[in-house]
Protein backbone atom coordinates (compact mmCIF):
# COMPACT_ATOMS: atom_id res chain seq x y z
CA UNK A 1 109.56 57.09 80.79
CA UNK A 2 107.20 58.32 83.54
CA UNK A 3 108.27 61.94 82.91
CA UNK A 4 107.61 61.50 79.19
CA UNK A 5 104.15 60.06 79.82
CA UNK A 6 103.36 62.89 82.24
CA UNK A 7 104.44 65.44 79.65
CA UNK A 8 102.28 63.82 76.96
CA UNK A 9 99.28 63.83 79.32
CA UNK A 10 99.92 67.49 80.12
CA UNK A 11 99.90 68.37 76.41
CA UNK A 12 96.65 66.47 75.89
CA UNK A 13 95.02 68.23 78.85
CA UNK A 14 96.23 71.61 77.54
CA UNK A 15 94.66 70.88 74.14
CA UNK A 16 91.37 69.81 75.75
CA UNK A 17 91.22 72.86 78.03
CA UNK A 18 91.92 75.30 75.21
CA UNK A 19 89.41 73.53 72.96
CA UNK A 20 86.75 73.95 75.66
CA UNK A 21 87.63 77.63 76.12
CA UNK A 22 87.49 78.23 72.37
CA UNK A 23 84.21 76.33 72.13
CA UNK A 24 82.66 78.49 74.84
CA UNK A 25 84.01 81.70 73.29
CA UNK A 26 82.91 80.77 69.75
CA UNK A 27 79.45 79.77 70.97
CA UNK A 28 79.01 83.14 72.64
CA UNK A 29 80.43 84.84 69.55
CA UNK A 30 77.99 82.99 67.28
CA UNK A 31 74.92 83.77 69.38
CA UNK A 32 75.67 87.39 70.16
CA UNK A 33 77.62 88.53 67.10
CA UNK A 34 77.91 86.25 64.08
CA UNK A 35 74.26 85.18 63.71
CA UNK A 36 72.95 88.77 64.10
CA UNK A 37 75.64 89.92 61.70
CA UNK A 38 74.48 87.49 59.01
CA UNK A 39 70.74 87.82 59.57
CA UNK A 40 70.21 91.52 60.32
CA UNK A 41 69.96 93.77 57.25
CA UNK A 42 71.98 96.97 57.43
CA UNK A 43 70.85 100.03 55.49
CA UNK A 44 73.63 102.50 54.77
CA UNK A 45 72.49 106.01 54.03
CA UNK A 46 74.80 108.48 52.33
CA UNK A 47 72.66 111.45 53.34
CA UNK A 48 74.36 113.77 55.82
CA UNK A 49 72.25 113.96 58.95
CA UNK A 50 72.63 114.94 62.59
CA UNK A 51 70.38 112.05 63.57
CA UNK A 52 72.67 109.55 65.32
CA UNK A 53 70.22 106.73 64.71
CA UNK A 54 71.84 106.45 61.27
CA UNK A 55 75.24 105.92 62.87
CA UNK A 56 74.22 103.24 65.36
CA UNK A 57 73.78 100.41 62.81
CA UNK A 58 77.18 101.25 61.30
CA UNK A 59 78.83 101.31 64.73
CA UNK A 60 77.24 97.98 65.58
CA UNK A 61 78.33 96.52 62.22
CA UNK A 62 81.89 97.77 62.77
CA UNK A 63 82.15 96.08 66.16
CA UNK A 64 80.55 92.87 64.87
CA UNK A 65 83.13 92.62 62.09
CA UNK A 66 85.97 93.59 64.46
CA UNK A 67 85.00 91.06 67.13
CA UNK A 68 84.50 88.24 64.62
CA UNK A 69 87.77 88.93 62.80
CA UNK A 70 89.96 89.28 65.91
CA UNK A 71 88.54 86.27 67.73
CA UNK A 72 88.79 83.99 64.70
CA UNK A 73 92.37 85.17 64.15
CA UNK A 74 93.22 84.48 67.80
CA UNK A 75 91.71 80.98 67.67
CA UNK A 76 93.54 80.04 64.45
CA UNK A 77 96.87 81.57 65.54
CA UNK A 78 96.88 79.96 68.96
CA UNK A 79 95.60 76.60 67.71
CA UNK A 80 98.51 76.40 65.26
CA UNK A 81 100.90 77.34 68.05
CA UNK A 82 99.36 74.80 70.42
CA UNK A 83 99.68 71.94 67.95
CA UNK A 84 103.26 72.94 67.10
CA UNK A 85 104.28 73.08 70.77
CA UNK A 86 102.62 69.75 71.51
CA UNK A 87 104.30 68.06 68.52
CA UNK A 88 107.77 69.42 69.21
CA UNK A 89 107.62 68.60 72.92
CA UNK A 90 107.82 72.03 74.51
CA UNK A 91 109.19 71.75 78.03
CA UNK A 92 108.71 74.00 81.03
CA UNK A 93 111.96 74.89 82.80
CA UNK A 94 110.28 77.20 85.34
CA UNK A 95 111.69 75.36 88.35
CA UNK A 96 115.27 75.31 87.12
CA UNK A 97 118.00 77.59 88.37
CA UNK A 98 119.37 80.15 87.75
CA UNK A 99 116.49 82.60 87.53
CA UNK A 100 116.30 85.93 85.70
CA UNK A 101 114.12 88.83 86.86
CA UNK A 102 111.32 89.37 84.36
CA UNK A 103 109.03 91.80 86.21
CA UNK A 104 109.69 93.98 89.25
CA UNK A 105 107.32 94.36 92.20
CA UNK A 106 105.70 97.48 90.76
CA UNK A 107 104.78 95.68 87.53
CA UNK A 108 103.44 92.65 89.40
CA UNK A 109 101.19 94.78 91.61
CA UNK A 110 99.87 96.59 88.54
CA UNK A 111 99.12 93.30 86.82
CA UNK A 112 97.21 91.90 89.80
CA UNK A 113 95.34 95.20 90.15
CA UNK A 114 94.42 95.03 86.45
CA UNK A 115 93.32 91.41 86.68
CA UNK A 116 91.12 91.90 89.75
CA UNK A 117 89.41 95.06 88.49
CA UNK A 118 88.87 93.63 84.99
CA UNK A 119 87.30 90.47 86.42
CA UNK A 120 84.93 92.44 88.67
CA UNK A 121 84.00 94.82 85.85
CA UNK A 122 83.26 91.94 83.48
CA UNK A 123 81.17 90.12 86.08
CA UNK A 124 79.15 93.14 87.21
CA UNK A 125 78.86 94.58 83.69
CA UNK A 126 77.53 91.49 81.98
CA UNK A 127 75.35 90.73 85.00
CA UNK A 128 73.58 94.01 84.21
CA UNK A 129 73.19 93.04 80.54
CA UNK A 130 71.82 89.60 81.45
CA UNK A 131 69.95 90.65 84.57
CA UNK A 132 66.84 88.78 83.47
CA UNK A 133 68.76 85.49 83.64
CA UNK A 134 71.98 84.70 85.54
CA UNK A 135 72.76 88.34 86.27
CA UNK A 136 69.83 88.49 88.68
CA UNK A 137 71.56 86.06 91.04
CA UNK A 138 74.80 88.06 90.94
CA UNK A 139 72.80 91.17 91.78
CA UNK A 140 71.09 89.44 94.68
CA UNK A 141 74.44 88.34 96.11
CA UNK A 142 75.48 92.00 96.13
CA UNK A 143 72.22 93.19 97.67
CA UNK A 144 70.25 94.19 94.58
CA UNK A 145 70.58 95.75 91.16
CA UNK A 146 71.56 99.18 92.46
CA UNK A 147 74.46 97.68 94.42
CA UNK A 148 75.48 95.82 91.30
CA UNK A 149 75.67 99.10 89.38
CA UNK A 150 77.54 100.80 92.25
CA UNK A 151 80.10 97.99 92.40
CA UNK A 152 80.67 98.33 88.66
CA UNK A 153 81.19 102.10 88.89
CA UNK A 154 83.49 101.89 91.92
CA UNK A 155 85.65 99.24 90.27
CA UNK A 156 85.84 101.35 87.10
CA UNK A 157 87.12 104.22 89.23
CA UNK A 158 89.92 102.05 90.66
CA UNK A 159 90.83 100.84 87.18
CA UNK A 160 90.99 104.46 86.03
CA UNK A 161 93.45 105.19 88.85
CA UNK A 162 95.63 102.33 87.63
CA UNK A 163 95.63 103.61 84.03
CA UNK A 164 96.58 107.14 85.10
CA UNK A 165 99.31 105.82 87.39
CA UNK A 166 100.67 103.44 84.74
CA UNK A 167 101.21 106.04 82.04
CA UNK A 168 102.23 108.79 84.49
CA UNK A 169 104.87 106.57 86.10
CA UNK A 170 106.48 105.33 82.89
CA UNK A 171 106.02 108.66 81.15
CA UNK A 172 107.87 110.43 83.98
CA UNK A 173 110.66 107.84 83.84
CA UNK A 174 111.01 108.41 80.11
CA UNK A 175 111.19 112.21 80.47
CA UNK A 176 113.67 112.08 83.35
CA UNK A 177 116.01 109.70 81.55
CA UNK A 178 115.90 111.83 78.40
CA UNK A 179 116.66 114.98 80.42
CA UNK A 180 119.60 113.22 82.03
CA UNK A 181 120.90 112.19 78.62
CA UNK A 182 120.51 108.49 79.37
CA UNK A 183 119.45 106.02 76.67
CA UNK A 184 115.78 105.03 76.78
CA UNK A 185 114.56 101.58 75.79
CA UNK A 186 110.91 101.46 74.75
CA UNK A 187 110.75 97.69 74.46
CA UNK A 188 106.93 97.58 74.43
CA UNK A 189 106.63 99.76 71.33
CA UNK A 190 105.69 98.14 68.04
CA UNK A 191 108.37 97.99 65.35
CA UNK A 192 109.02 96.60 61.89
CA UNK A 193 110.68 93.58 63.51
CA UNK A 194 107.32 92.56 64.94
CA UNK A 195 105.96 92.18 61.41
CA UNK A 196 108.87 90.01 60.28
CA UNK A 197 108.67 88.05 63.56
CA UNK A 198 104.97 87.39 62.96
CA UNK A 199 105.63 86.13 59.42
CA UNK A 200 108.51 83.96 60.63
CA UNK A 201 106.39 82.60 63.49
CA UNK A 202 103.51 81.67 61.19
CA UNK A 203 105.91 79.91 58.83
CA UNK A 204 107.38 78.00 61.76
CA UNK A 205 103.94 76.96 63.04
CA UNK A 206 102.87 75.54 59.66
CA UNK A 207 106.21 73.85 59.02
CA UNK A 208 107.60 76.26 56.42
CA UNK A 209 110.51 77.41 58.65
CA UNK A 210 112.89 75.41 60.82
CA UNK A 211 113.20 77.84 63.72
CA UNK A 212 110.98 80.40 65.43
CA UNK A 213 112.05 84.06 65.53
CA UNK A 214 114.36 85.38 68.24
CA UNK A 215 112.48 87.75 70.52
CA UNK A 216 113.64 90.60 72.71
CA UNK A 217 111.87 91.45 75.99
CA UNK A 218 108.41 91.26 74.40
CA UNK A 219 107.29 89.30 71.35
CA UNK A 220 104.70 90.53 68.85
CA UNK A 221 101.85 88.70 70.60
CA UNK A 222 102.65 90.30 73.96
CA UNK A 223 102.84 93.76 72.40
CA UNK A 224 99.55 93.20 70.58
CA UNK A 225 98.04 92.03 73.85
CA UNK A 226 99.34 95.04 75.79
CA UNK A 227 98.26 97.74 73.35
CA UNK A 228 94.95 95.98 72.72
CA UNK A 229 94.17 96.19 76.44
CA UNK A 230 94.82 99.91 76.72
CA UNK A 231 93.18 100.73 73.39
CA UNK A 232 90.17 98.80 74.60
CA UNK A 233 90.11 100.70 77.88
CA UNK A 234 89.79 103.98 76.01
CA UNK A 235 86.93 102.60 73.88
CA UNK A 236 85.32 101.16 77.02
CA UNK A 237 86.07 103.97 79.44
CA UNK A 238 85.02 107.02 77.42
CA UNK A 239 81.50 105.74 76.59
CA UNK A 240 81.30 104.36 80.14
CA UNK A 241 81.79 107.85 81.60
CA UNK A 242 79.18 109.22 79.20
CA UNK A 243 76.72 106.52 80.25
CA UNK A 244 77.33 107.28 83.91
CA UNK A 245 76.96 111.03 83.43
CA UNK A 246 74.09 111.23 80.92
CA UNK A 247 72.32 107.85 80.91
CA UNK A 248 71.78 105.07 78.38
CA UNK A 249 69.87 107.20 75.86
CA UNK A 250 72.61 109.79 75.48
CA UNK A 251 73.56 110.33 71.80
CA UNK A 252 70.74 107.98 70.88
CA UNK A 253 72.42 105.02 72.60
CA UNK A 254 75.73 105.16 70.69
CA UNK A 255 77.93 105.11 73.85
CA UNK A 256 76.00 102.05 75.06
CA UNK A 257 76.73 100.19 71.81
CA UNK A 258 80.42 101.07 71.99
CA UNK A 259 80.70 100.16 75.67
CA UNK A 260 78.95 96.79 75.52
CA UNK A 261 80.43 95.64 72.21
CA UNK A 262 83.97 96.53 73.27
CA UNK A 263 83.38 94.76 76.60
CA UNK A 264 82.43 91.59 74.73
CA UNK A 265 85.53 91.89 72.54
CA UNK A 266 87.73 92.38 75.61
CA UNK A 267 86.41 89.33 77.46
CA UNK A 268 86.49 87.06 74.41
CA UNK A 269 90.01 88.20 73.54
CA UNK A 270 91.22 87.54 77.08
CA UNK A 271 89.70 84.06 76.95
CA UNK A 272 91.10 82.88 73.62
CA UNK A 273 94.31 84.93 73.28
CA UNK A 274 95.76 86.25 76.53
CA UNK A 275 95.04 83.20 78.69
CA UNK A 276 96.52 80.91 76.05
CA UNK A 277 99.65 82.99 75.58
CA UNK A 278 100.33 83.13 79.32
CA UNK A 279 98.84 79.97 80.81
CA UNK A 280 97.13 77.45 78.52
CA UNK A 281 99.96 76.68 76.10
CA UNK A 282 101.84 73.42 76.79
CA UNK A 283 104.98 75.19 77.98
CA UNK A 284 103.27 76.70 81.03
CA UNK A 285 100.01 74.82 81.47
CA UNK A 286 98.15 75.08 83.81
CA UNK A 287 99.62 78.42 84.97
CA UNK A 288 102.67 80.59 84.40
CA UNK A 289 103.72 81.91 87.82
CA UNK A 290 105.99 84.66 86.51
CA UNK A 291 103.28 87.28 87.17
CA UNK A 292 103.50 86.32 90.86
CA UNK A 293 107.21 85.64 91.34
CA UNK A 294 108.51 88.08 88.74
CA UNK A 295 111.24 85.59 87.86
CA UNK A 296 111.82 83.36 84.87
CA UNK A 297 114.30 80.53 84.53
CA UNK A 298 117.31 81.36 82.39
CA UNK A 299 116.50 78.30 80.28
CA UNK A 300 112.98 79.54 79.54
CA UNK A 301 114.31 83.03 78.84
CA UNK A 302 116.81 81.53 76.40
CA UNK A 303 113.99 79.82 74.50
CA UNK A 304 111.41 82.62 74.57
CA UNK A 305 113.41 85.87 74.75
CA UNK A 306 117.01 85.12 73.75
CA UNK A 307 117.77 88.71 72.69
CA UNK A 308 116.63 90.00 76.09
CA UNK A 309 118.79 87.42 77.85
CA UNK A 310 121.80 88.56 75.82
CA UNK A 311 121.12 92.16 76.82
CA UNK A 312 120.82 91.28 80.51
CA UNK A 313 124.08 89.35 80.47
CA UNK A 314 125.90 92.08 78.56
CA UNK A 315 124.79 94.73 81.08
CA UNK A 316 125.53 92.62 84.15
CA UNK A 317 128.53 93.87 86.17
CA UNK A 318 131.64 91.87 85.44
CA UNK A 319 133.20 90.13 88.45
CA UNK A 320 136.65 91.44 89.39
CA UNK A 321 139.54 89.47 87.97
CA UNK A 322 141.39 87.37 90.45
CA UNK A 323 145.00 88.28 90.98
CA UNK A 324 147.21 85.27 91.14
CA UNK A 325 150.01 85.54 93.70
CA UNK A 326 152.82 83.11 93.24
CA UNK A 327 154.88 82.15 96.25
CA UNK A 328 158.58 82.53 95.90
């Protein structure tokens, strides 16, 4: 009975924490995006012009619609999932044996590198945007506004190294395996199954299906999360380099709009989507340690990624058969 009560309390705390996170994210979204979107008139000119001032309102409108749509989708999707998991009594089997390797050391180091650099970039970047309020104190802790800017640029450089290494490493592995004639599994690539899995998952969350979909190594949410991160880095990084090289007024401020709006989308999406998928849902609340240990219990793998578990077991070396010797 005590274990049941503890599990119920854990679900309640998970719901409260995610509700607070969503409340914070939606408040920021309303102030910075939704209210300006609804109250600022946008004039669309069909005249062809080299004046980029005509493009800036459209770029801003595009990001406002994109941010609002993605964040509202993430909140609705994860809220349905949270309620479903809490009602069905999702259990965490992380401490049970046996364990299955989920991520190797290389992947774990990359993830921690990504997390640390993203956190510093978000802190130092938004501190520059809000320097007249709370950002001033962050700047003072670093020794002034110029140090704040330098910290942001240096961290961006280290993140750029990670991106280059990530795609160079896995790209080289892909080419080598193809040259050797070995089969190549691109498990992170999007496929038609992800669409059917999404539909099946939504039906399951609203009670129109009895079972969730069976996932391979990555489910549709994890793939969406992964590609969203790297797509966002391109949208963030390219204007960021232009801002660093040519200043804030380059191209009439268009790179600044792209850089800051995409930064807001990235942080909000991490808050309401990524953190829920990995930590805040009842199965793993308050934290999923797989990004540290690299291992997942076989029981959890069976529930979350049954097709991947089948593949691992099918490729595992078979133990030698014992030879029975009968005494005569």
